[in-house]
Protein backbone atom coordinates (compact mmCIF):
# COMPACT_ATOMS: atom_id res chain seq x y z
CA UNK A 1 38.02 73.03 108.33
CA UNK A 2 40.89 74.72 110.28
CA UNK A 3 44.27 74.38 108.74
CA UNK A 4 46.85 73.43 111.12
CA UNK A 5 50.12 75.63 111.01
CA UNK A 6 53.21 73.80 112.62
CA UNK A 7 54.87 75.98 115.27
CA UNK A 8 58.32 77.50 114.30
CA UNK A 9 60.99 75.87 116.06
CA UNK A 10 62.86 77.85 118.34
CA UNK A 11 66.44 78.89 117.13
CA UNK A 12 68.02 78.52 120.64
CA UNK A 13 67.31 76.25 123.51
CA UNK A 14 65.06 77.20 126.37
CA UNK A 15 67.78 76.98 129.07
CA UNK A 16 68.43 80.44 130.66
CA UNK A 17 72.20 79.96 130.77
CA UNK A 18 72.69 79.64 127.24
CA UNK A 19 70.49 82.40 126.27
CA UNK A 20 71.95 84.63 128.63
CA UNK A 21 75.37 83.60 126.97
CA UNK A 22 74.03 84.25 123.62
CA UNK A 23 72.75 87.73 124.71
CA UNK A 24 76.09 88.53 126.28
CA UNK A 25 77.81 87.64 123.19
CA UNK A 26 75.84 89.96 121.26
CA UNK A 27 76.22 92.93 123.69
CA UNK A 28 79.92 92.22 123.46
CA UNK A 29 79.59 92.54 119.82
CA UNK A 30 77.81 95.79 119.97
CA UNK A 31 80.24 97.20 122.24
CA UNK A 32 83.02 96.42 119.67
CA UNK A 33 80.99 97.70 116.72
CA UNK A 34 80.14 100.96 118.74
CA UNK A 35 83.95 101.48 119.57
CA UNK A 36 84.80 101.18 115.85
CA UNK A 37 82.12 103.75 115.16
CA UNK A 38 83.30 106.14 117.52
CA UNK A 39 86.71 105.93 116.49
CA UNK A 40 85.68 106.73 112.83
CA UNK A 41 83.74 109.59 114.13
CA UNK A 42 86.65 110.96 116.02
CA UNK A 43 88.89 110.38 113.23
CA UNK A 44 86.41 112.24 110.80
CA UNK A 45 85.97 115.16 113.58
CA UNK A 46 89.63 115.72 113.26
CA UNK A 47 89.69 116.03 109.57
CA UNK A 48 86.65 118.18 109.31
CA UNK A 49 88.12 120.25 112.13
CA UNK A 50 91.38 120.87 110.14
CA UNK A 51 89.42 121.50 106.72
CA UNK A 52 87.39 124.17 108.81
CA UNK A 53 90.37 125.82 110.26
CA UNK A 54 92.15 125.81 106.61
CA UNK A 55 89.25 127.42 105.00
CA UNK A 56 88.69 129.92 108.01
CA UNK A 57 92.12 131.12 107.36
CA UNK A 58 91.96 131.51 103.79
CA UNK A 59 88.59 133.41 104.08
CA UNK A 60 90.08 135.71 106.84
CA UNK A 61 92.98 136.42 104.31
CA UNK A 62 90.76 137.11 101.23
CA UNK A 63 88.67 139.47 103.66
CA UNK A 64 91.49 141.26 104.96
CA UNK A 65 92.64 141.85 101.35
CA UNK A 66 89.38 143.13 100.18
CA UNK A 67 89.00 145.29 103.34
CA UNK A 68 92.50 147.03 102.02
CA UNK A 69 90.91 147.37 98.63
CA UNK A 70 87.93 149.03 99.85
CA UNK A 71 89.79 151.52 102.18
CA UNK A 72 92.16 152.33 99.28
CA UNK A 73 88.99 153.15 97.03
CA UNK A 74 87.45 155.15 99.72
CA UNK A 75 90.70 157.15 100.31
CA UNK A 76 91.06 157.78 96.54
CA UNK A 77 87.38 158.62 96.55
CA UNK A 78 87.87 161.08 98.84
CA UNK A 79 90.98 162.52 97.38
CA UNK A 80 89.16 162.76 93.97
CA UNK A 81 86.22 164.50 95.64
CA UNK A 82 88.71 166.95 97.23
CA UNK A 83 90.53 167.73 94.07
CA UNK A 84 87.05 168.30 92.21
CA UNK A 85 86.23 171.05 94.91
CA UNK A 86 89.57 172.28 95.14
CA UNK A 87 89.97 172.78 91.11
CA UNK A 88 86.41 172.75 90.03
């Protein structure tokens, strides 16, 4: 015996005009939502760029400070070597 399954009812009318109008509404909603997403992405990009710039400046400051220390230690080492050769 074959079991008879009722066909599911269509959730929308079969007229093309109604279906097209429904699809147009969906596309408009997608457009609005994508616009919101783009706005959020742009805002987040600006915040991220600002943070990157701030971190870059802080890192450059630290590198400059460390470079000065390295140069000072190198000069002091050369001076010590010179003094040892002169008086040693």
